[in-house]
Amino acid sequence: QIQLVESGGGLVQPGGSLTLSCVASGFTFNNYPMSWYRQAPGKQRELVATIFTPKNTKYADSLGDRFTISRLNIKKTVYLQMNNLKPEDTAVYYCNTRGGTVDYWGQGTQVTVSS
């Protein structure tokens, strides 16, 4: 059974940083791309970043270079380092992997950027 468990969300002031973690189980982690998505209130879920290998990553154009996705295969964990956070980054952040045509999701972790 595939499970994705996110952690690391919270309340942060504008300009602050957070690192999200997602621990995976139930599949051969090394073989799969991992992604972070986010969903703000009243908006559609959107892709934030995807990592295939440490040197093969992609990001939403709107983020600039503020976010960094990484993975540690030995710990079956994917991370999202978020810097210079803005109020518009407020959302529930979800970990994702895809097996064939099936998407698997974590439960999400809330990130709130507010002074």
PDB file of N, CA and C in Angstrom:
ATOM      1  N   GLN A   1       0.839  -1.188   0.000  1.00  0.00           N
ATOM      2  CA  GLN A   1       0.000   0.000   0.000  1.00  0.00           C
ATOM      3  C   GLN A   1       0.886   1.253   0.000  1.00  0.00           C
ATOM      4  N   ILE A   2       0.668   2.097  -0.988  1.00  0.00           N
ATOM      5  CA  ILE A   2       1.469   3.313  -1.103  1.00  0.00           C
ATOM      6  C   ILE A   2       0.978   4.339  -0.100  1.00  0.00           C
ATOM      7  N   GLN A   3       1.923   4.900   0.668  1.00  0.00           N
ATOM      8  CA  GLN A   3       1.605   5.959   1.618  1.00  0.00           C
ATOM      9  C   GLN A   3       2.603   7.096   1.475  1.00  0.00           C
ATOM     10  N   LEU A   4       2.081   8.299   1.572  1.00  0.00           N
ATOM     11  CA  LEU A   4       2.894   9.505   1.556  1.00  0.00           C
ATOM     12  C   LEU A   4       2.484  10.347   2.759  1.00  0.00           C
ATOM     13  N   VAL A   5       3.453  10.693   3.588  1.00  0.00           N
ATOM     14  CA  VAL A   5       3.146  11.423   4.814  1.00  0.00           C
ATOM     15  C   VAL A   5       3.984  12.697   4.857  1.00  0.00           C
ATOM     16  N   GLU A   6       3.277  13.827   4.768  1.00  0.00           N
ATOM     17  CA  GLU A   6       3.946  15.130   4.781  1.00  0.00           C
ATOM     18  C   GLU A   6       4.073  15.672   6.202  1.00  0.00           C
ATOM     19  N   SER A   7       5.058  16.521   6.384  1.00  0.00           N
ATOM     20  CA  SER A   7       5.225  17.248   7.645  1.00  0.00           C
ATOM     21  C   SER A   7       6.012  18.516   7.371  1.00  0.00           C
ATOM     22  N   GLY A   8       6.024  19.401   8.377  1.00  0.00           N
ATOM     23  CA  GLY A   8       6.854  20.594   8.269  1.00  0.00           C
ATOM     24  C   GLY A   8       6.119  21.889   8.012  1.00  0.00           C
ATOM     25  N   GLY A   9       4.821  21.808   7.784  1.00  0.00           N
ATOM     26  CA  GLY A   9       4.073  23.038   7.563  1.00  0.00           C
ATOM     27  C   GLY A   9       3.929  23.847   8.843  1.00  0.00           C
ATOM     28  N   GLY A  10       3.364  25.045   8.689  1.00  0.00           N
ATOM     29  CA  GLY A  10       3.161  25.889   9.858  1.00  0.00           C
ATOM     30  C   GLY A  10       2.930  27.320   9.464  1.00  0.00           C
ATOM     31  N   LEU A  11       2.987  28.177  10.471  1.00  0.00           N
ATOM     32  CA  LEU A  11       2.807  29.612  10.276  1.00  0.00           C
ATOM     33  C   LEU A  11       4.183  30.270  10.221  1.00  0.00           C
ATOM     34  N   VAL A  12       4.383  31.095   9.205  1.00  0.00           N
ATOM     35  CA  VAL A  12       5.661  31.770   9.042  1.00  0.00           C
ATOM     36  C   VAL A  12       5.405  33.196   8.571  1.00  0.00           C
ATOM     37  N   GLN A  13       6.276  34.097   8.943  1.00  0.00           N
ATOM     38  CA  GLN A  13       6.134  35.487   8.518  1.00  0.00           C
ATOM     39  C   GLN A  13       6.625  35.660   7.088  1.00  0.00           C
ATOM     40  N   PRO A  14       6.113  36.656   6.393  1.00  0.00           N
ATOM     41  CA  PRO A  14       6.633  36.937   5.042  1.00  0.00           C
ATOM     42  C   PRO A  14       8.146  37.112   5.074  1.00  0.00           C
ATOM     43  N   GLY A  15       8.808  36.525   4.082  1.00  0.00           N
ATOM     44  CA  GLY A  15      10.259  36.537   4.021  1.00  0.00           C
ATOM     45  C   GLY A  15      10.911  35.379   4.727  1.00  0.00           C
ATOM     46  N   GLY A  16      10.137  34.615   5.463  1.00  0.00           N
ATOM     47  CA  GLY A  16      10.671  33.478   6.199  1.00  0.00           C
ATOM     48  C   GLY A  16      10.853  32.237   5.342  1.00  0.00           C
ATOM     49  N   SER A  17      11.299  31.167   5.992  1.00  0.00           N
ATOM     50  CA  SER A  17      11.578  29.912   5.304  1.00  0.00           C
ATOM     51  C   SER A  17      10.929  28.738   6.021  1.00  0.00           C
ATOM     52  N   LEU A  18      10.631  27.715   5.264  1.00  0.00           N
ATOM     53  CA  LEU A  18      10.147  26.444   5.802  1.00  0.00           C
ATOM     54  C   LEU A  18      10.681  25.328   4.932  1.00  0.00           C
ATOM     55  N   THR A  19      10.855  24.155   5.536  1.00  0.00           N
ATOM     56  CA  THR A  19      11.190  22.959   4.773  1.00  0.00           C
ATOM     57  C   THR A  19      10.139  21.902   5.033  1.00  0.00           C
ATOM     58  N   LEU A  20       9.505  21.462   3.972  1.00  0.00           N
ATOM     59  CA  LEU A  20       8.523  20.390   4.058  1.00  0.00           C
ATOM     60  C   LEU A  20       9.201  19.052   3.771  1.00  0.00           C
ATOM     61  N   SER A  21       8.704  18.017   4.421  1.00  0.00           N
ATOM     62  CA  SER A  21       9.199  16.663   4.195  1.00  0.00           C
ATOM     63  C   SER A  21       8.040  15.748   3.837  1.00  0.00           C
ATOM     64  N   CYS A  22       8.349  14.739   3.063  1.00  0.00           N
ATOM     65  CA  CYS A  22       7.352  13.720   2.711  1.00  0.00           C
ATOM     66  C   CYS A  22       8.044  12.367   2.742  1.00  0.00           C
ATOM     67  N   VAL A  23       7.584  11.515   3.637  1.00  0.00           N
ATOM     68  CA  VAL A  23       8.132  10.166   3.751  1.00  0.00           C
ATOM     69  C   VAL A  23       7.233   9.210   3.006  1.00  0.00           C
ATOM     70  N   ALA A  24       7.830   8.404   2.138  1.00  0.00           N
ATOM     71  CA  ALA A  24       7.078   7.484   1.288  1.00  0.00           C
ATOM     72  C   ALA A  24       7.264   6.043   1.741  1.00  0.00           C
ATOM     73  N   SER A  25       6.274   5.227   1.463  1.00  0.00           N
ATOM     74  CA  SER A  25       6.369   3.794   1.738  1.00  0.00           C
ATOM     75  C   SER A  25       5.431   3.048   0.795  1.00  0.00           C
ATOM     76  N   GLY A  26       5.729   1.767   0.627  1.00  0.00           N
ATOM     77  CA  GLY A  26       4.844   0.926  -0.157  1.00  0.00           C
ATOM     78  C   GLY A  26       5.188   0.817  -1.632  1.00  0.00           C
ATOM     79  N   PHE A  27       6.306   1.422  -2.062  1.00  0.00           N
ATOM     80  CA  PHE A  27       6.742   1.299  -3.445  1.00  0.00           C
ATOM     81  C   PHE A  27       8.251   1.530  -3.508  1.00  0.00           C
ATOM     82  N   THR A  28       8.828   1.213  -4.659  1.00  0.00           N
ATOM     83  CA  THR A  28      10.275   1.359  -4.836  1.00  0.00           C
ATOM     84  C   THR A  28      10.579   2.829  -5.103  1.00  0.00           C
ATOM     85  N   PHE A  29      10.845   3.546  -4.042  1.00  0.00           N
ATOM     86  CA  PHE A  29      10.942   5.005  -4.081  1.00  0.00           C
ATOM     87  C   PHE A  29      11.913   5.490  -5.150  1.00  0.00           C
ATOM     88  N   ASN A  30      13.048   4.838  -5.268  1.00  0.00           N
ATOM     89  CA  ASN A  30      14.100   5.301  -6.175  1.00  0.00           C
ATOM     90  C   ASN A  30      13.611   5.402  -7.621  1.00  0.00           C
ATOM     91  N   ASN A  31      12.635   4.604  -7.987  1.00  0.00           N
ATOM     92  CA  ASN A  31      12.238   4.467  -9.389  1.00  0.00           C
ATOM     93  C   ASN A  31      11.179   5.468  -9.831  1.00  0.00           C
ATOM     94  N   TYR A  32      10.701   6.290  -8.904  1.00  0.00           N
ATOM     95  CA  TYR A  32       9.557   7.130  -9.229  1.00  0.00           C
ATOM     96  C   TYR A  32       9.868   8.616  -9.066  1.00  0.00           C
ATOM     97  N   PRO A  33       9.336   9.435  -9.970  1.00  0.00           N
ATOM     98  CA  PRO A  33       9.410  10.875  -9.745  1.00  0.00           C
ATOM     99  C   PRO A  33       8.510  11.247  -8.571  1.00  0.00           C
ATOM    100  N   MET A  34       8.900  12.299  -7.880  1.00  0.00           N
ATOM    101  CA  MET A  34       8.131  12.797  -6.755  1.00  0.00           C
ATOM    102  C   MET A  34       7.837  14.269  -6.982  1.00  0.00           C
ATOM    103  N   SER A  35       6.654  14.680  -6.570  1.00  0.00           N
ATOM    104  CA  SER A  35       6.236  16.055  -6.798  1.00  0.00           C
ATOM    105  C   SER A  35       5.630  16.664  -5.547  1.00  0.00           C
ATOM    106  N   TRP A  36       5.664  17.987  -5.523  1.00  0.00           N
ATOM    107  CA  TRP A  36       4.907  18.763  -4.550  1.00  0.00           C
ATOM    108  C   TRP A  36       3.871  19.575  -5.324  1.00  0.00           C
ATOM    109  N   TYR A  37       2.662  19.551  -4.829  1.00  0.00           N
ATOM    110  CA  TYR A  37       1.584  20.388  -5.328  1.00  0.00           C
ATOM    111  C   TYR A  37       1.096  21.263  -4.172  1.00  0.00           C
ATOM    112  N   ARG A  38       0.329  22.283  -4.515  1.00  0.00           N
ATOM    113  CA  ARG A  38      -0.308  23.082  -3.475  1.00  0.00           C
ATOM    114  C   ARG A  38      -1.699  23.505  -3.926  1.00  0.00           C
ATOM    115  N   GLN A  39      -2.537  23.743  -2.927  1.00  0.00           N
ATOM    116  CA  GLN A  39      -3.896  24.199  -3.211  1.00  0.00           C
ATOM    117  C   GLN A  39      -4.261  25.292  -2.222  1.00  0.00           C
ATOM    118  N   ALA A  40      -4.475  26.475  -2.757  1.00  0.00           N
ATOM    119  CA  ALA A  40      -4.902  27.610  -1.945  1.00  0.00           C
ATOM    120  C   ALA A  40      -6.427  27.629  -1.874  1.00  0.00           C
ATOM    121  N   PRO A  41      -6.977  28.261  -0.853  1.00  0.00           N
ATOM    122  CA  PRO A  41      -8.437  28.304  -0.730  1.00  0.00           C
ATOM    123  C   PRO A  41      -9.090  28.875  -1.978  1.00  0.00           C
ATOM    124  N   GLY A  42     -10.076  28.162  -2.495  1.00  0.00           N
ATOM    125  CA  GLY A  42     -10.818  28.623  -3.655  1.00  0.00           C
ATOM    126  C   GLY A  42     -10.099  28.483  -4.976  1.00  0.00           C
ATOM    127  N   LYS A  43      -8.936  27.831  -4.964  1.00  0.00           N
ATOM    128  CA  LYS A  43      -8.166  27.681  -6.196  1.00  0.00           C
ATOM    129  C   LYS A  43      -7.926  26.208  -6.498  1.00  0.00           C
ATOM    130  N   GLN A  44      -7.562  25.943  -7.742  1.00  0.00           N
ATOM    131  CA  GLN A  44      -7.240  24.580  -8.137  1.00  0.00           C
ATOM    132  C   GLN A  44      -5.866  24.175  -7.609  1.00  0.00           C
ATOM    133  N   ARG A  45      -5.712  22.887  -7.430  1.00  0.00           N
ATOM    134  CA  ARG A  45      -4.405  22.372  -7.033  1.00  0.00           C
ATOM    135  C   ARG A  45      -3.426  22.612  -8.176  1.00  0.00           C
ATOM    136  N   GLU A  46      -2.218  23.056  -7.840  1.00  0.00           N
ATOM    137  CA  GLU A  46      -1.225  23.364  -8.860  1.00  0.00           C
ATOM    138  C   GLU A  46       0.106  22.692  -8.542  1.00  0.00           C
ATOM    139  N   LEU A  47       0.821  22.361  -9.606  1.00  0.00           N
ATOM    140  CA  LEU A  47       2.129  21.747  -9.445  1.00  0.00           C
ATOM    141  C   LEU A  47       3.144  22.789  -8.983  1.00  0.00           C
ATOM    142  N   VAL A  48       3.907  22.443  -7.972  1.00  0.00           N
ATOM    143  CA  VAL A  48       4.969  23.314  -7.473  1.00  0.00           C
ATOM    144  C   VAL A  48       6.314  22.866  -8.038  1.00  0.00           C
ATOM    145  N   ALA A  49       6.634  21.602  -7.875  1.00  0.00           N
ATOM    146  CA  ALA A  49       7.939  21.110  -8.313  1.00  0.00           C
ATOM    147  C   ALA A  49       7.910  19.596  -8.433  1.00  0.00           C
ATOM    148  N   THR A  50       8.774  19.098  -9.314  1.00  0.00           N
ATOM    149  CA  THR A  50       8.940  17.654  -9.521  1.00  0.00           C
ATOM    150  C   THR A  50      10.418  17.323  -9.537  1.00  0.00           C
ATOM    151  N   ILE A  51      10.763  16.183  -8.939  1.00  0.00           N
ATOM    152  CA  ILE A  51      12.139  15.706  -8.984  1.00  0.00           C
ATOM    153  C   ILE A  51      12.156  14.284  -9.523  1.00  0.00           C
ATOM    154  N   PHE A  52      12.997  14.096 -10.536  1.00  0.00           N
ATOM    155  CA  PHE A  52      13.213  12.761 -11.080  1.00  0.00           C
ATOM    156  C   PHE A  52      14.497  12.196 -10.470  1.00  0.00           C
ATOM    157  N   THR A  53      15.563  12.932 -10.648  1.00  0.00           N
ATOM    158  CA  THR A  53      16.839  12.639 -10.016  1.00  0.00           C
ATOM    159  C   THR A  53      17.350  13.956  -9.443  1.00  0.00           C
ATOM    160  N   PRO A  54      18.369  13.943  -8.613  1.00  0.00           N
ATOM    161  CA  PRO A  54      18.852  15.207  -8.043  1.00  0.00           C
ATOM    162  C   PRO A  54      19.222  16.262  -9.083  1.00  0.00           C
ATOM    163  N   LYS A  55      19.583  15.829 -10.276  1.00  0.00           N
ATOM    164  CA  LYS A  55      19.963  16.802 -11.304  1.00  0.00           C
ATOM    165  C   LYS A  55      18.860  17.011 -12.330  1.00  0.00           C
ATOM    166  N   ASN A  56      17.730  16.416 -12.122  1.00  0.00           N
ATOM    167  CA  ASN A  56      16.615  16.530 -13.055  1.00  0.00           C
ATOM    168  C   ASN A  56      15.384  16.954 -12.271  1.00  0.00           C
ATOM    169  N   THR A  57      15.179  18.267 -12.225  1.00  0.00           N
ATOM    170  CA  THR A  57      14.057  18.819 -11.487  1.00  0.00           C
ATOM    171  C   THR A  57      13.347  19.844 -12.358  1.00  0.00           C
ATOM    172  N   LYS A  58      12.108  20.112 -12.027  1.00  0.00           N
ATOM    173  CA  LYS A  58      11.406  21.180 -12.706  1.00  0.00           C
ATOM    174  C   LYS A  58      10.510  21.889 -11.707  1.00  0.00           C
ATOM    175  N   TYR A  59      10.246  23.168 -11.988  1.00  0.00           N
ATOM    176  CA  TYR A  59       9.514  24.023 -11.072  1.00  0.00           C
ATOM    177  C   TYR A  59       8.464  24.829 -11.826  1.00  0.00           C
ATOM    178  N   ALA A  60       7.426  25.216 -11.085  1.00  0.00           N
ATOM    179  CA  ALA A  60       6.457  26.142 -11.640  1.00  0.00           C
ATOM    180  C   ALA A  60       7.162  27.453 -11.962  1.00  0.00           C
ATOM    181  N   ASP A  61       6.850  28.031 -13.100  1.00  0.00           N
ATOM    182  CA  ASP A  61       7.529  29.252 -13.547  1.00  0.00           C
ATOM    183  C   ASP A  61       7.365  30.400 -12.552  1.00  0.00           C
ATOM    184  N   SER A  62       6.243  30.424 -11.875  1.00  0.00           N
ATOM    185  CA  SER A  62       5.925  31.556 -11.010  1.00  0.00           C
ATOM    186  C   SER A  62       6.769  31.620  -9.740  1.00  0.00           C
ATOM    187  N   LEU A  63       7.496  30.552  -9.434  1.00  0.00           N
ATOM    188  CA  LEU A  63       8.209  30.502  -8.166  1.00  0.00           C
ATOM    189  C   LEU A  63       9.560  31.195  -8.200  1.00  0.00           C
ATOM    190  N   GLY A  64      10.086  31.415  -9.392  1.00  0.00           N
ATOM    191  CA  GLY A  64      11.447  31.934  -9.467  1.00  0.00           C
ATOM    192  C   GLY A  64      12.396  30.896  -8.915  1.00  0.00           C
ATOM    193  N   ASP A  65      13.330  31.326  -8.090  1.00  0.00           N
ATOM    194  CA  ASP A  65      14.291  30.383  -7.509  1.00  0.00           C
ATOM    195  C   ASP A  65      14.104  30.288  -6.000  1.00  0.00           C
ATOM    196  N   ARG A  66      12.890  30.552  -5.528  1.00  0.00           N
ATOM    197  CA  ARG A  66      12.661  30.581  -4.083  1.00  0.00           C
ATOM    198  C   ARG A  66      12.525  29.180  -3.484  1.00  0.00           C
ATOM    199  N   PHE A  67      12.086  28.215  -4.280  1.00  0.00           N
ATOM    200  CA  PHE A  67      11.834  26.865  -3.783  1.00  0.00           C
ATOM    201  C   PHE A  67      12.858  25.888  -4.355  1.00  0.00           C
ATOM    202  N   THR A  68      13.215  24.894  -3.565  1.00  0.00           N
ATOM    203  CA  THR A  68      14.126  23.840  -4.007  1.00  0.00           C
ATOM    204  C   THR A  68      13.577  22.485  -3.587  1.00  0.00           C
ATOM    205  N   ILE A  69      13.429  21.597  -4.554  1.00  0.00           N
ATOM    206  CA  ILE A  69      12.994  20.238  -4.267  1.00  0.00           C
ATOM    207  C   ILE A  69      14.211  19.325  -4.248  1.00  0.00           C
ATOM    208  N   SER A  70      14.212  18.378  -3.337  1.00  0.00           N
ATOM    209  CA  SER A  70      15.314  17.427  -3.246  1.00  0.00           C
ATOM    210  C   SER A  70      14.769  16.095  -2.735  1.00  0.00           C
ATOM    211  N   ARG A  71      15.588  15.068  -2.863  1.00  0.00           N
ATOM    212  CA  ARG A  71      15.162  13.754  -2.383  1.00  0.00           C
ATOM    213  C   ARG A  71      16.356  13.029  -1.793  1.00  0.00           C
ATOM    214  N   LEU A  72      16.059  12.186  -0.798  1.00  0.00           N
ATOM    215  CA  LEU A  72      17.066  11.340  -0.183  1.00  0.00           C
ATOM    216  C   LEU A  72      16.543   9.922  -0.261  1.00  0.00           C
ATOM    217  N   ASN A  73      16.992   9.199  -1.271  1.00  0.00           N
ATOM    218  CA  ASN A  73      16.409   7.891  -1.566  1.00  0.00           C
ATOM    219  C   ASN A  73      16.568   6.905  -0.414  1.00  0.00           C
ATOM    220  N   ILE A  74      17.702   6.973   0.283  1.00  0.00           N
ATOM    221  CA  ILE A  74      17.930   6.012   1.362  1.00  0.00           C
ATOM    222  C   ILE A  74      16.910   6.186   2.488  1.00  0.00           C
ATOM    223  N   LYS A  75      16.352   7.386   2.611  1.00  0.00           N
ATOM    224  CA  LYS A  75      15.317   7.639   3.616  1.00  0.00           C
ATOM    225  C   LYS A  75      13.915   7.682   3.016  1.00  0.00           C
ATOM    226  N   LYS A  76      13.824   7.441   1.706  1.00  0.00           N
ATOM    227  CA  LYS A  76      12.532   7.479   1.019  1.00  0.00           C
ATOM    228  C   LYS A  76      11.789   8.778   1.327  1.00  0.00           C
ATOM    229  N   THR A  77      12.515   9.858   1.239  1.00  0.00           N
ATOM    230  CA  THR A  77      11.975  11.157   1.620  1.00  0.00           C
ATOM    231  C   THR A  77      12.238  12.187   0.538  1.00  0.00           C
ATOM    232  N   VAL A  78      11.237  13.013   0.288  1.00  0.00           N
ATOM    233  CA  VAL A  78      11.375  14.154  -0.612  1.00  0.00           C
ATOM    234  C   VAL A  78      11.138  15.417   0.199  1.00  0.00           C
ATOM    235  N   TYR A  79      11.893  16.459  -0.119  1.00  0.00           N
ATOM    236  CA  TYR A  79      11.846  17.702   0.626  1.00  0.00           C
ATOM    237  C   TYR A  79      11.462  18.853  -0.297  1.00  0.00           C
ATOM    238  N   LEU A  80      10.923  19.894   0.318  1.00  0.00           N
ATOM    239  CA  LEU A  80      10.688  21.144  -0.388  1.00  0.00           C
ATOM    240  C   LEU A  80      11.182  22.268   0.512  1.00  0.00           C
ATOM    241  N   GLN A  81      12.295  22.855   0.131  1.00  0.00           N
ATOM    242  CA  GLN A  81      12.839  24.002   0.844  1.00  0.00           C
ATOM    243  C   GLN A  81      12.222  25.259   0.252  1.00  0.00           C
ATOM    244  N   MET A  82      11.583  26.057   1.103  1.00  0.00           N
ATOM    245  CA  MET A  82      10.888  27.253   0.636  1.00  0.00           C
ATOM    246  C   MET A  82      11.488  28.472   1.323  1.00  0.00           C
ATOM    247  N   ASN A  83      11.999  29.381   0.526  1.00  0.00           N
ATOM    248  CA  ASN A  83      12.627  30.599   1.043  1.00  0.00           C
ATOM    249  C   ASN A  83      11.856  31.830   0.596  1.00  0.00           C
ATOM    250  N   ASN A  84      12.082  32.925   1.312  1.00  0.00           N
ATOM    251  CA  ASN A  84      11.446  34.198   0.969  1.00  0.00           C
ATOM    252  C   ASN A  84       9.946  34.014   0.735  1.00  0.00           C
ATOM    253  N   LEU A  85       9.302  33.387   1.681  1.00  0.00           N
ATOM    254  CA  LEU A  85       7.886  33.071   1.521  1.00  0.00           C
ATOM    255  C   LEU A  85       7.036  34.325   1.470  1.00  0.00           C
ATOM    256  N   LYS A  86       5.972  34.243   0.674  1.00  0.00           N
ATOM    257  CA  LYS A  86       5.055  35.358   0.471  1.00  0.00           C
ATOM    258  C   LYS A  86       3.645  34.943   0.883  1.00  0.00           C
ATOM    259  N   PRO A  87       2.808  35.901   1.199  1.00  0.00           N
ATOM    260  CA  PRO A  87       1.428  35.538   1.573  1.00  0.00           C
ATOM    261  C   PRO A  87       0.729  34.685   0.518  1.00  0.00           C
ATOM    262  N   GLU A  88       1.055  34.897  -0.733  1.00  0.00           N
ATOM    263  CA  GLU A  88       0.418  34.112  -1.798  1.00  0.00           C
ATOM    264  C   GLU A  88       0.900  32.668  -1.849  1.00  0.00           C
ATOM    265  N   ASP A  89       1.893  32.325  -1.051  1.00  0.00           N
ATOM    266  CA  ASP A  89       2.328  30.934  -0.940  1.00  0.00           C
ATOM    267  C   ASP A  89       1.458  30.151   0.056  1.00  0.00           C
ATOM    268  N   THR A  90       0.564  30.842   0.738  1.00  0.00           N
ATOM    269  CA  THR A  90      -0.326  30.181   1.683  1.00  0.00           C
ATOM    270  C   THR A  90      -1.188  29.156   0.960  1.00  0.00           C
ATOM    271  N   ALA A  91      -1.130  27.918   1.429  1.00  0.00           N
ATOM    272  CA  ALA A  91      -1.849  26.817   0.773  1.00  0.00           C
ATOM    273  C   ALA A  91      -1.639  25.547   1.581  1.00  0.00           C
ATOM    274  N   VAL A  92      -2.393  24.534   1.218  1.00  0.00           N
ATOM    275  CA  VAL A  92      -2.092  23.180   1.670  1.00  0.00           C
ATOM    276  C   VAL A  92      -1.143  22.569   0.636  1.00  0.00           C
ATOM    277  N   TYR A  93      -0.035  22.034   1.118  1.00  0.00           N
ATOM    278  CA  TYR A  93       0.978  21.457   0.246  1.00  0.00           C
ATOM    279  C   TYR A  93       0.880  19.937   0.299  1.00  0.00           C
ATOM    280  N   TYR A  94       0.844  19.333  -0.881  1.00  0.00           N
ATOM    281  CA  TYR A  94       0.653  17.890  -1.002  1.00  0.00           C
ATOM    282  C   TYR A  94       1.843  17.230  -1.690  1.00  0.00           C
ATOM    283  N   CYS A  95       2.211  16.101  -1.172  1.00  0.00           N
ATOM    284  CA  CYS A  95       3.211  15.243  -1.796  1.00  0.00           C
ATOM    285  C   CYS A  95       2.512  14.318  -2.780  1.00  0.00           C
ATOM    286  N   ASN A  96       3.169  14.014  -3.878  1.00  0.00           N
ATOM    287  CA  ASN A  96       2.542  13.219  -4.941  1.00  0.00           C
ATOM    288  C   ASN A  96       3.550  12.321  -5.620  1.00  0.00           C
ATOM    289  N   THR A  97       3.083  11.139  -6.005  1.00  0.00           N
ATOM    290  CA  THR A  97       3.804  10.324  -6.958  1.00  0.00           C
ATOM    291  C   THR A  97       2.795   9.694  -7.903  1.00  0.00           C
ATOM    292  N   ARG A  98       3.271   9.271  -9.029  1.00  0.00           N
ATOM    293  CA  ARG A  98       2.378   8.702 -10.030  1.00  0.00           C
ATOM    294  C   ARG A  98       2.877   7.333 -10.439  1.00  0.00           C
ATOM    295  N   GLY A  99       1.974   6.357 -10.388  1.00  0.00           N
ATOM    296  CA  GLY A  99       2.265   5.017 -10.858  1.00  0.00           C
ATOM    297  C   GLY A  99       1.400   4.709 -12.060  1.00  0.00           C
ATOM    298  N   GLY A 100       1.991   4.746 -13.256  1.00  0.00           N
ATOM    299  CA  GLY A 100       1.187   4.567 -14.467  1.00  0.00           C
ATOM    300  C   GLY A 100       0.265   5.759 -14.628  1.00  0.00           C
ATOM    301  N   THR A 101      -1.031   5.530 -14.567  1.00  0.00           N
ATOM    302  CA  THR A 101      -2.008   6.612 -14.691  1.00  0.00           C
ATOM    303  C   THR A 101      -2.632   6.966 -13.350  1.00  0.00           C
ATOM    304  N   VAL A 102      -2.125   6.401 -12.283  1.00  0.00           N
ATOM    305  CA  VAL A 102      -2.713   6.608 -10.957  1.00  0.00           C
ATOM    306  C   VAL A 102      -1.859   7.570 -10.159  1.00  0.00           C
ATOM    307  N   ASP A 103      -2.506   8.599  -9.618  1.00  0.00           N
ATOM    308  CA  ASP A 103      -1.845   9.552  -8.729  1.00  0.00           C
ATOM    309  C   ASP A 103      -2.061   9.141  -7.282  1.00  0.00           C
ATOM    310  N   TYR A 104      -1.001   9.262  -6.523  1.00  0.00           N
ATOM    311  CA  TYR A 104      -1.060   8.998  -5.086  1.00  0.00           C
ATOM    312  C   TYR A 104      -0.727  10.291  -4.351  1.00  0.00           C
ATOM    313  N   TRP A 105      -1.491  10.548  -3.276  1.00  0.00           N
ATOM    314  CA  TRP A 105      -1.370  11.804  -2.561  1.00  0.00           C
ATOM    315  C   TRP A 105      -1.197  11.569  -1.066  1.00  0.00           C
ATOM    316  N   GLY A 106      -0.465  12.491  -0.442  1.00  0.00           N
ATOM    317  CA  GLY A 106      -0.457  12.536   1.000  1.00  0.00           C
ATOM    318  C   GLY A 106      -1.670  13.296   1.503  1.00  0.00           C
ATOM    319  N   GLN A 107      -1.705  13.462   2.819  1.00  0.00           N
ATOM    320  CA  GLN A 107      -2.859  14.130   3.430  1.00  0.00           C
ATOM    321  C   GLN A 107      -2.739  15.643   3.375  1.00  0.00           C
ATOM    322  N   GLY A 108      -1.547  16.134   3.079  1.00  0.00           N
ATOM    323  CA  GLY A 108      -1.323  17.565   2.978  1.00  0.00           C
ATOM    324  C   GLY A 108      -0.825  18.169   4.276  1.00  0.00           C
ATOM    325  N   THR A 109      -0.097  19.272   4.126  1.00  0.00           N
ATOM    326  CA  THR A 109       0.368  20.027   5.282  1.00  0.00           C
ATOM    327  C   THR A 109       0.138  21.515   5.012  1.00  0.00           C
ATOM    328  N   GLN A 110      -0.420  22.189   5.990  1.00  0.00           N
ATOM    329  CA  GLN A 110      -0.812  23.587   5.804  1.00  0.00           C
ATOM    330  C   GLN A 110       0.392  24.507   5.983  1.00  0.00           C
ATOM    331  N   VAL A 111       0.563  25.403   5.025  1.00  0.00           N
ATOM    332  CA  VAL A 111       1.558  26.470   5.128  1.00  0.00           C
ATOM    333  C   VAL A 111       0.812  27.797   5.098  1.00  0.00           C
ATOM    334  N   THR A 112       1.020  28.594   6.129  1.00  0.00           N
ATOM    335  CA  THR A 112       0.381  29.905   6.209  1.00  0.00           C
ATOM    336  C   THR A 112       1.467  30.963   6.354  1.00  0.00           C
ATOM    337  N   VAL A 113       1.446  31.907   5.419  1.00  0.00           N
ATOM    338  CA  VAL A 113       2.425  32.997   5.435  1.00  0.00           C
ATOM    339  C   VAL A 113       1.686  34.280   5.801  1.00  0.00           C
ATOM    340  N   SER A 114       1.959  34.773   6.978  1.00  0.00           N
ATOM    341  CA  SER A 114       1.225  35.936   7.473  1.00  0.00           C
ATOM    342  C   SER A 114       2.023  36.619   8.570  1.00  0.00           C
ATOM    343  N   SER A 115       1.862  37.926   8.639  1.00  0.00           N
ATOM    344  CA  SER A 115       2.492  38.680   9.718  1.00  0.00           C
ATOM    345  C   SER A 115       1.526  38.847  10.886  1.00  0.00           C
TER     346      SER A 115
END
